[in-house]
Structures are given as structure tokens and as C-alpha cells.
């Protein structure tokens, strides 16, 4: 699936695979490679809330990122999850109103996403 996440300057398109997180039923998540990896310690894979682009976990593999995301969400109360989603929705609404889409660039031939 293709979806947008909020970058520092632009809305960034990423391609991911839909996953579920039992602690947050009814919400859509996807596991994907980060749109940017500026730091050596950034995870190779992340799990993101599709509607808002909020990152909920990361790891060295898609499976590790999903396990971390499920663990992170299971450790939160329903109130904490609701507050985090509400805040992320506000940030995303502001980004949608103020940030342009990243201009099309040449795809990286070394990327597993194409």
C-alpha cells in the first residue's frame, strides 16, 4: 500500500505492507522502510499508523519492527493510545494544510521498494 507520512518539510510517500496491532483495533498500520535514514542508528524497518504517519515501532527487520510496535502499544493504556492518536491527527491535519508533497525524484535502484 502507498500512503503519506509527515516529513520535516514535505509529505512523504512510502510503500508498506498492512499489519494489525491488537492493542489498537480498528486502526490501519503498515510496516515499511523509513522514507529517510539520516542516522546510522535509525531502524531499517518501521511500523507506522497509516492515517497519521505516527511511528509506533522499529527494528532491524520487518518482523522485529512489528514485534516492537505490538509491544510498545500493548504497554500503553487505552487513554494513552487515544491521546497519542488525537495528537498525531492534529499534527497531520496541520501538515496536510501547510506542507507540499515531495517533488518526484529518481527512484533508488538499490532500494528494495524500487
PDB file of N, CA and C in Angstrom:
ATOM      1  N   UNK A   1       0.838  -1.174   0.000  1.00  0.00           N
ATOM      2  CA  UNK A   1       0.000   0.000   0.000  1.00  0.00           C
ATOM      3  C   UNK A   1       0.879   1.231   0.000  1.00  0.00           C
ATOM      4  N   UNK A   2       0.425   2.273  -0.653  1.00  0.00           N
ATOM      5  CA  UNK A   2       1.120   3.558  -0.654  1.00  0.00           C
ATOM      6  C   UNK A   2       0.368   4.496   0.275  1.00  0.00           C
ATOM      7  N   UNK A   3       1.113   5.250   1.072  1.00  0.00           N
ATOM      8  CA  UNK A   3       0.481   6.234   1.936  1.00  0.00           C
ATOM      9  C   UNK A   3       1.471   7.339   2.249  1.00  0.00           C
ATOM     10  N   UNK A   4       0.983   8.415   2.854  1.00  0.00           N
ATOM     11  CA  UNK A   4       1.827   9.575   3.143  1.00  0.00           C
ATOM     12  C   UNK A   4       2.146   9.642   4.618  1.00  0.00           C
ATOM     13  N   UNK A   5       3.381  10.027   4.917  1.00  0.00           N
ATOM     14  CA  UNK A   5       3.754  10.341   6.282  1.00  0.00           C
ATOM     15  C   UNK A   5       4.289  11.766   6.296  1.00  0.00           C
ATOM     16  N   UNK A   6       4.280  12.368   7.468  1.00  0.00           N
ATOM     17  CA  UNK A   6       4.706  13.746   7.604  1.00  0.00           C
ATOM     18  C   UNK A   6       6.215  13.794   7.790  1.00  0.00           C
ATOM     19  N   UNK A   7       6.914  14.390   6.817  1.00  0.00           N
ATOM     20  CA  UNK A   7       8.353  14.573   6.922  1.00  0.00           C
ATOM     21  C   UNK A   7       8.664  15.935   7.513  1.00  0.00           C
ATOM     22  N   UNK A   8       9.937  16.274   7.585  1.00  0.00           N
ATOM     23  CA  UNK A   8      10.335  17.564   8.146  1.00  0.00           C
ATOM     24  C   UNK A   8       9.844  18.738   7.306  1.00  0.00           C
ATOM     25  N   UNK A   9       9.856  18.570   5.992  1.00  0.00           N
ATOM     26  CA  UNK A   9       9.489  19.663   5.093  1.00  0.00           C
ATOM     27  C   UNK A   9       8.309  19.292   4.212  1.00  0.00           C
ATOM     28  N   UNK A  10       8.242  18.041   3.792  1.00  0.00           N
ATOM     29  CA  UNK A  10       7.244  17.586   2.840  1.00  0.00           C
ATOM     30  C   UNK A  10       6.391  16.468   3.426  1.00  0.00           C
ATOM     31  N   UNK A  11       5.251  16.210   2.780  1.00  0.00           N
ATOM     32  CA  UNK A  11       4.541  14.958   2.984  1.00  0.00           C
ATOM     33  C   UNK A  11       5.271  13.925   2.141  1.00  0.00           C
ATOM     34  N   UNK A  12       5.657  12.822   2.738  1.00  0.00           N
ATOM     35  CA  UNK A  12       6.484  11.814   2.069  1.00  0.00           C
ATOM     36  C   UNK A  12       5.654  10.577   1.760  1.00  0.00           C
ATOM     37  N   UNK A  13       5.743  10.094   0.525  1.00  0.00           N
ATOM     38  CA  UNK A  13       5.066   8.861   0.162  1.00  0.00           C
ATOM     39  C   UNK A  13       5.949   7.674   0.516  1.00  0.00           C
ATOM     40  N   UNK A  14       5.354   6.669   1.153  1.00  0.00           N
ATOM     41  CA  UNK A  14       6.064   5.426   1.450  1.00  0.00           C
ATOM     42  C   UNK A  14       5.206   4.261   0.972  1.00  0.00           C
ATOM     43  N   UNK A  15       5.844   3.119   0.797  1.00  0.00           N
ATOM     44  CA  UNK A  15       5.162   1.902   0.387  1.00  0.00           C
ATOM     45  C   UNK A  15       5.361   0.883   1.488  1.00  0.00           C
ATOM     46  N   UNK A  16       4.256   0.335   1.989  1.00  0.00           N
ATOM     47  CA  UNK A  16       4.349  -0.617   3.075  1.00  0.00           C
ATOM     48  C   UNK A  16       3.345  -1.746   2.948  1.00  0.00           C
ATOM     49  N   UNK A  17       3.448  -2.675   3.872  1.00  0.00           N
ATOM     50  CA  UNK A  17       2.540  -3.817   3.930  1.00  0.00           C
ATOM     51  C   UNK A  17       1.639  -3.655   5.142  1.00  0.00           C
ATOM     52  N   UNK A  18       0.342  -3.814   4.941  1.00  0.00           N
ATOM     53  CA  UNK A  18      -0.616  -3.662   6.033  1.00  0.00           C
ATOM     54  C   UNK A  18      -0.365  -4.694   7.125  1.00  0.00           C
ATOM     55  N   UNK A  19      -0.431  -4.243   8.373  1.00  0.00           N
ATOM     56  CA  UNK A  19      -0.281  -5.115   9.544  1.00  0.00           C
ATOM     57  C   UNK A  19      -1.338  -4.730  10.567  1.00  0.00           C
ATOM     58  N   UNK A  20      -1.572  -5.599  11.528  1.00  0.00           N
ATOM     59  CA  UNK A  20      -2.531  -5.312  12.595  1.00  0.00           C
ATOM     60  C   UNK A  20      -1.811  -5.219  13.932  1.00  0.00           C
ATOM     61  N   UNK A  21      -2.378  -4.407  14.794  1.00  0.00           N
ATOM     62  CA  UNK A  21      -1.891  -4.287  16.168  1.00  0.00           C
ATOM     63  C   UNK A  21      -3.107  -4.460  17.070  1.00  0.00           C
ATOM     64  N   UNK A  22      -3.143  -5.581  17.788  1.00  0.00           N
ATOM     65  CA  UNK A  22      -4.316  -5.934  18.578  1.00  0.00           C
ATOM     66  C   UNK A  22      -4.675  -4.899  19.639  1.00  0.00           C
ATOM     67  N   UNK A  23      -3.674  -4.208  20.172  1.00  0.00           N
ATOM     68  CA  UNK A  23      -3.927  -3.211  21.219  1.00  0.00           C
ATOM     69  C   UNK A  23      -4.656  -1.979  20.681  1.00  0.00           C
ATOM     70  N   UNK A  24      -4.682  -1.820  19.349  1.00  0.00           N
ATOM     71  CA  UNK A  24      -5.338  -0.659  18.742  1.00  0.00           C
ATOM     72  C   UNK A  24      -6.233  -1.160  17.608  1.00  0.00           C
ATOM     73  N   UNK A  25      -7.359  -1.801  17.960  1.00  0.00           N
ATOM     74  CA  UNK A  25      -8.240  -2.333  16.915  1.00  0.00           C
ATOM     75  C   UNK A  25      -8.905  -1.211  16.117  1.00  0.00           C
ATOM     76  N   UNK A  26      -9.184  -1.506  14.865  1.00  0.00           N
ATOM     77  CA  UNK A  26      -9.890  -0.543  14.028  1.00  0.00           C
ATOM     78  C   UNK A  26      -9.017   0.521  13.391  1.00  0.00           C
ATOM     79  N   UNK A  27      -7.729   0.495  13.644  1.00  0.00           N
ATOM     80  CA  UNK A  27      -6.795   1.455  13.043  1.00  0.00           C
ATOM     81  C   UNK A  27      -5.917   0.725  12.039  1.00  0.00           C
ATOM     82  N   UNK A  28      -5.449   1.446  11.033  1.00  0.00           N
ATOM     83  CA  UNK A  28      -4.610   0.854   9.983  1.00  0.00           C
ATOM     84  C   UNK A  28      -3.137   1.165  10.239  1.00  0.00           C
ATOM     85  N   UNK A  29      -2.312   0.127  10.135  1.00  0.00           N
ATOM     86  CA  UNK A  29      -0.870   0.260  10.302  1.00  0.00           C
ATOM     87  C   UNK A  29      -0.180  -0.414   9.124  1.00  0.00           C
ATOM     88  N   UNK A  30       1.056  -0.014   8.861  1.00  0.00           N
ATOM     89  CA  UNK A  30       1.853  -0.644   7.811  1.00  0.00           C
ATOM     90  C   UNK A  30       3.303  -0.713   8.253  1.00  0.00           C
ATOM     91  N   UNK A  31       3.978  -1.770   7.837  1.00  0.00           N
ATOM     92  CA  UNK A  31       5.411  -1.910   8.068  1.00  0.00           C
ATOM     93  C   UNK A  31       6.108  -1.539   6.768  1.00  0.00           C
ATOM     94  N   UNK A  32       7.166  -0.736   6.883  1.00  0.00           N
ATOM     95  CA  UNK A  32       7.867  -0.246   5.695  1.00  0.00           C
ATOM     96  C   UNK A  32       9.264   0.203   6.075  1.00  0.00           C
ATOM     97  N   UNK A  33      10.073   0.454   5.061  1.00  0.00           N
ATOM     98  CA  UNK A  33      11.381   1.052   5.315  1.00  0.00           C
ATOM     99  C   UNK A  33      11.180   2.545   5.518  1.00  0.00           C
ATOM    100  N   UNK A  34      11.985   3.173   6.374  1.00  0.00           N
ATOM    101  CA  UNK A  34      11.833   4.619   6.601  1.00  0.00           C
ATOM    102  C   UNK A  34      12.030   5.399   5.305  1.00  0.00           C
ATOM    103  N   UNK A  35      11.333   6.520   5.178  1.00  0.00           N
ATOM    104  CA  UNK A  35      11.480   7.338   3.980  1.00  0.00           C
ATOM    105  C   UNK A  35      12.855   7.983   3.931  1.00  0.00           C
ATOM    106  N   UNK A  36      13.426   8.276   5.068  1.00  0.00           N
ATOM    107  CA  UNK A  36      14.785   8.814   5.176  1.00  0.00           C
ATOM    108  C   UNK A  36      15.483   8.086   6.305  1.00  0.00           C
ATOM    109  N   UNK A  37      16.738   7.822   6.142  1.00  0.00           N
ATOM    110  CA  UNK A  37      17.524   7.244   7.221  1.00  0.00           C
ATOM    111  C   UNK A  37      18.791   8.064   7.336  1.00  0.00           C
ATOM    112  N   UNK A  38      18.688   9.131   8.098  1.00  0.00           N
ATOM    113  CA  UNK A  38      19.780  10.089   8.191  1.00  0.00           C
ATOM    114  C   UNK A  38      20.851   9.671   9.204  1.00  0.00           C
ATOM    115  N   UNK A  39      20.501   8.739  10.065  1.00  0.00           N
ATOM    116  CA  UNK A  39      21.416   8.381  11.139  1.00  0.00           C
ATOM    117  C   UNK A  39      21.727   6.901  11.091  1.00  0.00           C
ATOM    118  N   UNK A  40      22.932   6.566  11.454  1.00  0.00           N
ATOM    119  CA  UNK A  40      23.366   5.182  11.435  1.00  0.00           C
ATOM    120  C   UNK A  40      22.526   4.310  12.354  1.00  0.00           C
ATOM    121  N   UNK A  41      21.973   4.886  13.411  1.00  0.00           N
ATOM    122  CA  UNK A  41      21.218   4.114  14.385  1.00  0.00           C
ATOM    123  C   UNK A  41      19.723   4.035  14.075  1.00  0.00           C
ATOM    124  N   UNK A  42      19.270   4.661  12.997  1.00  0.00           N
ATOM    125  CA  UNK A  42      17.861   4.573  12.622  1.00  0.00           C
ATOM    126  C   UNK A  42      17.509   3.116  12.319  1.00  0.00           C
ATOM    127  N   UNK A  43      16.268   2.715  12.654  1.00  0.00           N
ATOM    128  CA  UNK A  43      15.874   1.341  12.324  1.00  0.00           C
ATOM    129  C   UNK A  43      15.768   1.148  10.816  1.00  0.00           C
ATOM    130  N   UNK A  44      15.967  -0.085  10.390  1.00  0.00           N
ATOM    131  CA  UNK A  44      15.867  -0.407   8.970  1.00  0.00           C
ATOM    132  C   UNK A  44      14.418  -0.565   8.530  1.00  0.00           C
ATOM    133  N   UNK A  45      13.531  -0.876   9.471  1.00  0.00           N
ATOM    134  CA  UNK A  45      12.105  -1.055   9.211  1.00  0.00           C
ATOM    135  C   UNK A  45      11.312  -0.351  10.312  1.00  0.00           C
ATOM    136  N   UNK A  46      10.161   0.185   9.963  1.00  0.00           N
ATOM    137  CA  UNK A  46       9.303   0.851  10.952  1.00  0.00           C
ATOM    138  C   UNK A  46       7.852   0.442  10.722  1.00  0.00           C
ATOM    139  N   UNK A  47       7.056   0.594  11.773  1.00  0.00           N
ATOM    140  CA  UNK A  47       5.612   0.405  11.684  1.00  0.00           C
ATOM    141  C   UNK A  47       4.984   1.757  11.942  1.00  0.00           C
ATOM    142  N   UNK A  48       4.090   2.155  11.040  1.00  0.00           N
ATOM    143  CA  UNK A  48       3.504   3.482  11.056  1.00  0.00           C
ATOM    144  C   UNK A  48       1.982   3.392  11.025  1.00  0.00           C
ATOM    145  N   UNK A  49       1.335   4.301  11.761  1.00  0.00           N
ATOM    146  CA  UNK A  49      -0.119   4.452  11.688  1.00  0.00           C
ATOM    147  C   UNK A  49      -0.415   5.123  10.355  1.00  0.00           C
ATOM    148  N   UNK A  50      -1.191   4.476   9.506  1.00  0.00           N
ATOM    149  CA  UNK A  50      -1.380   4.939   8.129  1.00  0.00           C
ATOM    150  C   UNK A  50      -2.051   6.309   8.068  1.00  0.00           C
ATOM    151  N   UNK A  51      -3.089   6.530   8.845  1.00  0.00           N
ATOM    152  CA  UNK A  51      -3.824   7.796   8.773  1.00  0.00           C
ATOM    153  C   UNK A  51      -2.965   8.997   9.136  1.00  0.00           C
ATOM    154  N   UNK A  52      -2.116   8.837  10.140  1.00  0.00           N
ATOM    155  CA  UNK A  52      -1.382   9.986  10.666  1.00  0.00           C
ATOM    156  C   UNK A  52       0.112   9.978  10.365  1.00  0.00           C
ATOM    157  N   UNK A  53       0.664   8.810  10.046  1.00  0.00           N
ATOM    158  CA  UNK A  53       2.103   8.709   9.857  1.00  0.00           C
ATOM    159  C   UNK A  53       2.877   8.577  11.157  1.00  0.00           C
ATOM    160  N   UNK A  54       2.176   8.369  12.282  1.00  0.00           N
ATOM    161  CA  UNK A  54       2.840   8.223  13.585  1.00  0.00           C
ATOM    162  C   UNK A  54       3.572   6.885  13.645  1.00  0.00           C
ATOM    163  N   UNK A  55       4.867   6.944  13.949  1.00  0.00           N
ATOM    164  CA  UNK A  55       5.679   5.732  14.077  1.00  0.00           C
ATOM    165  C   UNK A  55       5.401   5.090  15.428  1.00  0.00           C
ATOM    166  N   UNK A  56       5.137   3.768  15.416  1.00  0.00           N
ATOM    167  CA  UNK A  56       4.855   3.074  16.669  1.00  0.00           C
ATOM    168  C   UNK A  56       5.889   2.007  17.004  1.00  0.00           C
ATOM    169  N   UNK A  57       6.826   1.746  16.093  1.00  0.00           N
ATOM    170  CA  UNK A  57       7.871   0.775  16.381  1.00  0.00           C
ATOM    171  C   UNK A  57       8.871   0.712  15.259  1.00  0.00           C
ATOM    172  N   UNK A  58      10.017   0.135  15.555  1.00  0.00           N
ATOM    173  CA  UNK A  58      11.060  -0.011  14.556  1.00  0.00           C
ATOM    174  C   UNK A  58      11.970  -1.169  14.897  1.00  0.00           C
ATOM    175  N   UNK A  59      12.689  -1.672  13.884  1.00  0.00           N
ATOM    176  CA  UNK A  59      13.608  -2.775  14.128  1.00  0.00           C
ATOM    177  C   UNK A  59      14.473  -3.061  12.922  1.00  0.00           C
ATOM    178  N   UNK A  60      15.337  -4.043  13.063  1.00  0.00           N
ATOM    179  CA  UNK A  60      16.286  -4.408  12.021  1.00  0.00           C
ATOM    180  C   UNK A  60      15.652  -5.219  10.896  1.00  0.00           C
ATOM    181  N   UNK A  61      14.446  -5.704  11.110  1.00  0.00           N
ATOM    182  CA  UNK A  61      13.713  -6.438  10.076  1.00  0.00           C
ATOM    183  C   UNK A  61      12.244  -6.048  10.185  1.00  0.00           C
ATOM    184  N   UNK A  62      11.471  -6.399   9.180  1.00  0.00           N
ATOM    185  CA  UNK A  62      10.043  -6.110   9.235  1.00  0.00           C
ATOM    186  C   UNK A  62       9.409  -6.820  10.427  1.00  0.00           C
ATOM    187  N   UNK A  63       9.788  -8.064  10.660  1.00  0.00           N
ATOM    188  CA  UNK A  63       9.235  -8.826  11.785  1.00  0.00           C
ATOM    189  C   UNK A  63       9.615  -8.203  13.128  1.00  0.00           C
ATOM    190  N   UNK A  64      10.864  -7.750  13.257  1.00  0.00           N
ATOM    191  CA  UNK A  64      11.305  -7.117  14.506  1.00  0.00           C
ATOM    192  C   UNK A  64      10.587  -5.794  14.732  1.00  0.00           C
ATOM    193  N   UNK A  65      10.377  -5.032  13.665  1.00  0.00           N
ATOM    194  CA  UNK A  65       9.655  -3.759  13.790  1.00  0.00           C
ATOM    195  C   UNK A  65       8.219  -4.000  14.225  1.00  0.00           C
ATOM    196  N   UNK A  66       7.580  -5.020  13.656  1.00  0.00           N
ATOM    197  CA  UNK A  66       6.200  -5.327  14.034  1.00  0.00           C
ATOM    198  C   UNK A  66       6.126  -5.807  15.479  1.00  0.00           C
ATOM    199  N   UNK A  67       7.053  -6.633  15.898  1.00  0.00           N
ATOM    200  CA  UNK A  67       7.075  -7.102  17.290  1.00  0.00           C
ATOM    201  C   UNK A  67       7.262  -5.928  18.248  1.00  0.00           C
ATOM    202  N   UNK A  68       8.168  -5.015  17.908  1.00  0.00           N
ATOM    203  CA  UNK A  68       8.401  -3.836  18.758  1.00  0.00           C
ATOM    204  C   UNK A  68       7.157  -2.958  18.812  1.00  0.00           C
ATOM    205  N   UNK A  69       6.504  -2.765  17.671  1.00  0.00           N
ATOM    206  CA  UNK A  69       5.299  -1.936  17.637  1.00  0.00           C
ATOM    207  C   UNK A  69       4.192  -2.553  18.484  1.00  0.00           C
ATOM    208  N   UNK A  70       3.999  -3.845  18.346  1.00  0.00           N
ATOM    209  CA  UNK A  70       2.955  -4.516  19.139  1.00  0.00           C
ATOM    210  C   UNK A  70       3.273  -4.432  20.623  1.00  0.00           C
ATOM    211  N   UNK A  71       4.530  -4.592  20.989  1.00  0.00           N
ATOM    212  CA  UNK A  71       4.933  -4.491  22.393  1.00  0.00           C
ATOM    213  C   UNK A  71       4.749  -3.065  22.911  1.00  0.00           C
ATOM    214  N   UNK A  72       5.188  -2.073  22.134  1.00  0.00           N
ATOM    215  CA  UNK A  72       5.034  -0.670  22.549  1.00  0.00           C
ATOM    216  C   UNK A  72       3.574  -0.325  22.797  1.00  0.00           C
ATOM    217  N   UNK A  73       2.706  -0.755  21.900  1.00  0.00           N
ATOM    218  CA  UNK A  73       1.285  -0.427  22.031  1.00  0.00           C
ATOM    219  C   UNK A  73       0.628  -1.195  23.169  1.00  0.00           C
ATOM    220  N   UNK A  74       1.042  -2.439  23.388  1.00  0.00           N
ATOM    221  CA  UNK A  74       0.482  -3.243  24.481  1.00  0.00           C
ATOM    222  C   UNK A  74       0.840  -2.663  25.841  1.00  0.00           C
ATOM    223  N   UNK A  75       1.958  -1.954  25.927  1.00  0.00           N
ATOM    224  CA  UNK A  75       2.394  -1.354  27.196  1.00  0.00           C
ATOM    225  C   UNK A  75       1.657  -0.063  27.533  1.00  0.00           C
ATOM    226  N   UNK A  76       0.862   0.462  26.610  1.00  0.00           N
ATOM    227  CA  UNK A  76       0.152   1.725  26.818  1.00  0.00           C
ATOM    228  C   UNK A  76      -1.287   1.476  27.242  1.00  0.00           C
ATOM    229  N   UNK A  77      -1.820   2.402  28.010  1.00  0.00           N
ATOM    230  CA  UNK A  77      -3.229   2.312  28.391  1.00  0.00           C
ATOM    231  C   UNK A  77      -4.086   2.793  27.219  1.00  0.00           C
ATOM    232  N   UNK A  78      -5.350   2.410  27.200  1.00  0.00           N
ATOM    233  CA  UNK A  78      -6.236   2.921  26.147  1.00  0.00           C
ATOM    234  C   UNK A  78      -6.290   4.450  26.109  1.00  0.00           C
ATOM    235  N   UNK A  79      -6.190   5.077  27.271  1.00  0.00           N
ATOM    236  CA  UNK A  79      -6.199   6.542  27.333  1.00  0.00           C
ATOM    237  C   UNK A  79      -4.943   7.125  26.694  1.00  0.00           C
ATOM    238  N   UNK A  80      -3.789   6.522  26.958  1.00  0.00           N
ATOM    239  CA  UNK A  80      -2.544   6.992  26.347  1.00  0.00           C
ATOM    240  C   UNK A  80      -2.583   6.829  24.833  1.00  0.00           C
ATOM    241  N   UNK A  81      -3.120   5.710  24.370  1.00  0.00           N
ATOM    242  CA  UNK A  81      -3.229   5.478  22.931  1.00  0.00           C
ATOM    243  C   UNK A  81      -4.157   6.504  22.302  1.00  0.00           C
ATOM    244  N   UNK A  82      -5.314   6.741  22.925  1.00  0.00           N
ATOM    245  CA  UNK A  82      -6.270   7.717  22.384  1.00  0.00           C
ATOM    246  C   UNK A  82      -5.657   9.106  22.336  1.00  0.00           C
ATOM    247  N   UNK A  83      -4.913   9.488  23.373  1.00  0.00           N
ATOM    248  CA  UNK A  83      -4.269  10.805  23.409  1.00  0.00           C
ATOM    249  C   UNK A  83      -3.192  10.917  22.320  1.00  0.00           C
ATOM    250  N   UNK A  84      -2.402   9.862  22.144  1.00  0.00           N
ATOM    251  CA  UNK A  84      -1.354   9.881  21.116  1.00  0.00           C
ATOM    252  C   UNK A  84      -1.965   9.988  19.718  1.00  0.00           C
ATOM    253  N   UNK A  85      -3.039   9.233  19.468  1.00  0.00           N
ATOM    254  CA  UNK A  85      -3.688   9.297  18.158  1.00  0.00           C
ATOM    255  C   UNK A  85      -4.321  10.663  17.914  1.00  0.00           C
ATOM    256  N   UNK A  86      -4.936  11.236  18.946  1.00  0.00           N
ATOM    257  CA  UNK A  86      -5.543  12.562  18.788  1.00  0.00           C
ATOM    258  C   UNK A  86      -4.481  13.607  18.461  1.00  0.00           C
ATOM    259  N   UNK A  87      -3.356  13.546  19.156  1.00  0.00           N
ATOM    260  CA  UNK A  87      -2.258  14.477  18.901  1.00  0.00           C
ATOM    261  C   UNK A  87      -1.699  14.280  17.493  1.00  0.00           C
ATOM    262  N   UNK A  88      -1.518  13.019  17.084  1.00  0.00           N
ATOM    263  CA  UNK A  88      -0.998  12.727  15.749  1.00  0.00           C
ATOM    264  C   UNK A  88      -1.970  13.203  14.667  1.00  0.00           C
ATOM    265  N   UNK A  89      -3.256  13.058  14.922  1.00  0.00           N
ATOM    266  CA  UNK A  89      -4.247  13.538  13.938  1.00  0.00           C
ATOM    267  C   UNK A  89      -4.193  15.057  13.795  1.00  0.00           C
ATOM    268  N   UNK A  90      -3.975  15.755  14.899  1.00  0.00           N
ATOM    269  CA  UNK A  90      -3.846  17.225  14.834  1.00  0.00           C
ATOM    270  C   UNK A  90      -2.607  17.618  14.043  1.00  0.00           C
ATOM    271  N   UNK A  91      -1.472  16.970  14.325  1.00  0.00           N
ATOM    272  CA  UNK A  91      -0.236  17.265  13.586  1.00  0.00           C
ATOM    273  C   UNK A  91      -0.407  16.971  12.099  1.00  0.00           C
ATOM    274  N   UNK A  92      -1.084  15.862  11.786  1.00  0.00           N
ATOM    275  CA  UNK A  92      -1.272  15.508  10.384  1.00  0.00           C
ATOM    276  C   UNK A  92      -2.184  16.513   9.672  1.00  0.00           C
ATOM    277  N   UNK A  93      -3.237  16.971  10.363  1.00  0.00           N
ATOM    278  CA  UNK A  93      -4.130  17.963   9.752  1.00  0.00           C
ATOM    279  C   UNK A  93      -3.362  19.240   9.443  1.00  0.00           C
ATOM    280  N   UNK A  94      -2.505  19.663  10.349  1.00  0.00           N
ATOM    281  CA  UNK A  94      -1.687  20.852  10.118  1.00  0.00           C
ATOM    282  C   UNK A  94      -0.728  20.615   8.950  1.00  0.00           C
ATOM    283  N   UNK A  95      -0.110  19.453   8.911  1.00  0.00           N
ATOM    284  CA  UNK A  95       0.812  19.137   7.818  1.00  0.00           C
ATOM    285  C   UNK A  95       0.075  19.109   6.482  1.00  0.00           C
ATOM    286  N   UNK A  96      -1.105  18.529   6.455  1.00  0.00           N
ATOM    287  CA  UNK A  96      -1.873  18.484   5.212  1.00  0.00           C
ATOM    288  C   UNK A  96      -2.180  19.888   4.705  1.00  0.00           C
ATOM    289  N   UNK A  97      -2.391  20.815   5.634  1.00  0.00           N
ATOM    290  CA  UNK A  97      -2.744  22.187   5.258  1.00  0.00           C
ATOM    291  C   UNK A  97      -1.530  23.027   4.883  1.00  0.00           C
ATOM    292  N   UNK A  98      -0.342  22.658   5.353  1.00  0.00           N
ATOM    293  CA  UNK A  98       0.810  23.539   5.186  1.00  0.00           C
ATOM    294  C   UNK A  98       1.993  22.950   4.424  1.00  0.00           C
ATOM    295  N   UNK A  99       2.083  21.629   4.317  1.00  0.00           N
ATOM    296  CA  UNK A  99       3.264  21.016   3.693  1.00  0.00           C
ATOM    297  C   UNK A  99       2.934  20.491   2.302  1.00  0.00           C
ATOM    298  N   UNK A 100       3.798  20.776   1.345  1.00  0.00           N
ATOM    299  CA  UNK A 100       3.581  20.232  -0.006  1.00  0.00           C
ATOM    300  C   UNK A 100       4.045  18.782  -0.082  1.00  0.00           C
ATOM    301  N   UNK A 101       3.626  18.109  -1.140  1.00  0.00           N
ATOM    302  CA  UNK A 101       4.157  16.779  -1.438  1.00  0.00           C
ATOM    303  C   UNK A 101       5.608  16.941  -1.879  1.00  0.00           C
ATOM    304  N   UNK A 102       6.442  15.979  -1.536  1.00  0.00           N
ATOM    305  CA  UNK A 102       7.828  15.994  -2.015  1.00  0.00           C
ATOM    306  C   UNK A 102       7.801  15.890  -3.536  1.00  0.00           C
ATOM    307  N   UNK A 103       8.597  16.708  -4.208  1.00  0.00           N
ATOM    308  CA  UNK A 103       8.670  16.597  -5.667  1.00  0.00           C
ATOM    309  C   UNK A 103       9.149  15.215  -6.085  1.00  0.00           C
ATOM    310  N   UNK A 104       8.675  14.739  -7.210  1.00  0.00           N
ATOM    311  CA  UNK A 104       9.084  13.427  -7.712  1.00  0.00           C
ATOM    312  C   UNK A 104      10.587  13.423  -7.945  1.00  0.00           C
ATOM    313  N   UNK A 105      11.226  12.357  -7.527  1.00  0.00           N
ATOM    314  CA  UNK A 105      12.669  12.200  -7.732  1.00  0.00           C
ATOM    315  C   UNK A 105      12.926  10.850  -8.371  1.00  0.00           C
ATOM    316  N   UNK A 106      14.118  10.685  -8.867  1.00  0.00           N
ATOM    317  CA  UNK A 106      14.509   9.415  -9.466  1.00  0.00           C
ATOM    318  C   UNK A 106      14.549   8.356  -8.368  1.00  0.00           C
ATOM    319  N   UNK A 107      13.992   7.199  -8.648  1.00  0.00           N
ATOM    320  CA  UNK A 107      13.967   6.123  -7.657  1.00  0.00           C
ATOM    321  C   UNK A 107      15.363   5.534  -7.464  1.00  0.00           C
ATOM    322  N   UNK A 108      15.617   5.084  -6.256  1.00  0.00           N
ATOM    323  CA  UNK A 108      16.885   4.468  -5.906  1.00  0.00           C
ATOM    324  C   UNK A 108      16.898   3.019  -6.402  1.00  0.00           C
ATOM    325  N   UNK A 109      17.781   2.666  -7.327  1.00  0.00           N
ATOM    326  CA  UNK A 109      17.789   1.296  -7.863  1.00  0.00           C
ATOM    327  C   UNK A 109      18.222   0.261  -6.819  1.00  0.00           C
ATOM    328  N   UNK A 110      18.834   0.705  -5.721  1.00  0.00           N
ATOM    329  CA  UNK A 110      19.275  -0.224  -4.671  1.00  0.00           C
ATOM    330  C   UNK A 110      18.204  -0.454  -3.608  1.00  0.00           C
ATOM    331  N   UNK A 111      17.100   0.268  -3.682  1.00  0.00           N
ATOM    332  CA  UNK A 111      16.048   0.141  -2.690  1.00  0.00           C
ATOM    333  C   UNK A 111      15.230  -1.121  -2.935  1.00  0.00           C
ATOM    334  N   UNK A 112      14.874  -1.814  -1.872  1.00  0.00           N
ATOM    335  CA  UNK A 112      14.012  -2.984  -2.021  1.00  0.00           C
ATOM    336  C   UNK A 112      12.600  -2.561  -2.375  1.00  0.00           C
ATOM    337  N   UNK A 113      12.282  -1.282  -2.188  1.00  0.00           N
ATOM    338  CA  UNK A 113      10.952  -0.793  -2.527  1.00  0.00           C
ATOM    339  C   UNK A 113      10.862  -0.353  -3.982  1.00  0.00           C
ATOM    340  N   UNK A 114      12.000  -0.301  -4.671  1.00  0.00           N
ATOM    341  CA  UNK A 114      12.002   0.056  -6.089  1.00  0.00           C
ATOM    342  C   UNK A 114      12.108   1.477  -6.292  1.00  0.00           C
TER     343      UNK A 114
END
